[in-house]
């Protein structure tokens, strides 16, 4: 992974933790095809793979508040 990509990804994640919806949308769009393809290799169904991807990103969005609390505690 290129250092610039890592830095950009880290920035997006930090913005996501702060509740930035644009950062979430950018991460979603960046990883959607790769993660659906990855899930399809195991599930053998695009529909199921899309469901798993959607569920995973729902958890990411919902858990951002937990990440904020962890940052405050540290």
Protein backbone atom coordinates (compact mmCIF):
# COMPACT_ATOMS: atom_id res chain seq x y z
CA UNK A 1 0.00 0.00 0.00
CA UNK A 2 1.33 3.40 -0.96
CA UNK A 3 2.04 5.80 1.91
CA UNK A 4 -0.22 8.45 0.35
CA UNK A 5 -3.12 5.98 0.14
CA UNK A 6 -2.57 4.93 3.74
CA UNK A 7 -2.54 8.56 4.87
CA UNK A 8 -5.69 9.35 2.89
CA UNK A 9 -7.44 6.25 4.22
CA UNK A 10 -6.46 7.13 7.79
CA UNK A 11 -7.80 10.64 7.30
CA UNK A 12 -11.12 9.27 6.02
CA UNK A 13 -11.40 6.94 9.01
CA UNK A 14 -10.69 9.76 11.46
CA UNK A 15 -13.33 11.90 9.76
CA UNK A 16 -15.76 8.98 9.91
CA UNK A 17 -15.15 8.63 13.65
CA UNK A 18 -16.09 12.28 14.01
CA UNK A 19 -19.38 11.56 12.20
CA UNK A 20 -18.51 12.88 8.73
CA UNK A 21 -21.05 11.34 6.34
CA UNK A 22 -19.00 12.30 3.28
CA UNK A 23 -16.06 10.29 4.62
CA UNK A 24 -18.37 7.32 5.18
CA UNK A 25 -19.71 7.60 1.62
CA UNK A 26 -16.18 7.78 0.22
CA UNK A 27 -15.07 4.68 2.15
CA UNK A 28 -18.26 2.90 1.11
CA UNK A 29 -17.67 3.66 -2.58
CA UNK A 30 -13.97 2.80 -2.36
CA UNK A 31 -14.46 -0.64 -0.85
CA UNK A 32 -17.86 -1.69 -2.20
CA UNK A 33 -16.78 -3.65 -5.28
CA UNK A 34 -13.72 -5.21 -3.67
CA UNK A 35 -15.56 -6.40 -0.58
CA UNK A 36 -18.58 -7.68 -2.50
CA UNK A 37 -16.27 -9.65 -4.79
CA UNK A 38 -14.42 -11.01 -1.74
CA UNK A 39 -17.70 -12.09 -0.10
CA UNK A 40 -18.95 -13.64 -3.36
CA UNK A 41 -15.97 -16.00 -3.37
CA UNK A 42 -17.31 -17.54 -0.15
CA UNK A 43 -21.05 -17.09 -0.51
CA UNK A 44 -21.37 -17.90 -4.25
CA UNK A 45 -24.19 -15.35 -4.49
CA UNK A 46 -23.98 -11.69 -5.42
CA UNK A 47 -27.22 -10.98 -3.57
CA UNK A 48 -25.92 -12.47 -0.31
CA UNK A 49 -22.55 -10.77 -0.77
CA UNK A 50 -24.25 -7.39 -1.20
CA UNK A 51 -26.31 -8.04 1.94
CA UNK A 52 -23.18 -8.89 3.93
CA UNK A 53 -21.44 -5.77 2.63
CA UNK A 54 -24.43 -3.59 3.49
CA UNK A 55 -24.67 -5.09 6.97
CA UNK A 56 -20.95 -4.59 7.56
CA UNK A 57 -21.08 -0.93 6.60
CA UNK A 58 -24.17 -0.42 8.73
CA UNK A 59 -22.14 -1.67 11.69
CA UNK A 60 -19.24 0.62 10.71
CA UNK A 61 -21.55 3.65 10.70
CA UNK A 62 -23.25 2.70 13.95
CA UNK A 63 -20.00 1.91 15.76
CA UNK A 64 -18.37 5.26 14.94
CA UNK A 65 -19.89 6.67 18.15
CA UNK A 66 -18.12 3.96 20.17
CA UNK A 67 -14.83 4.98 18.54
CA UNK A 68 -15.36 8.58 19.62
CA UNK A 69 -15.83 7.45 23.23
CA UNK A 70 -12.64 5.41 23.05
CA UNK A 71 -10.68 8.39 21.75
CA UNK A 72 -12.00 10.59 24.56
CA UNK A 73 -11.05 7.99 27.18
CA UNK A 74 -7.47 7.67 25.88
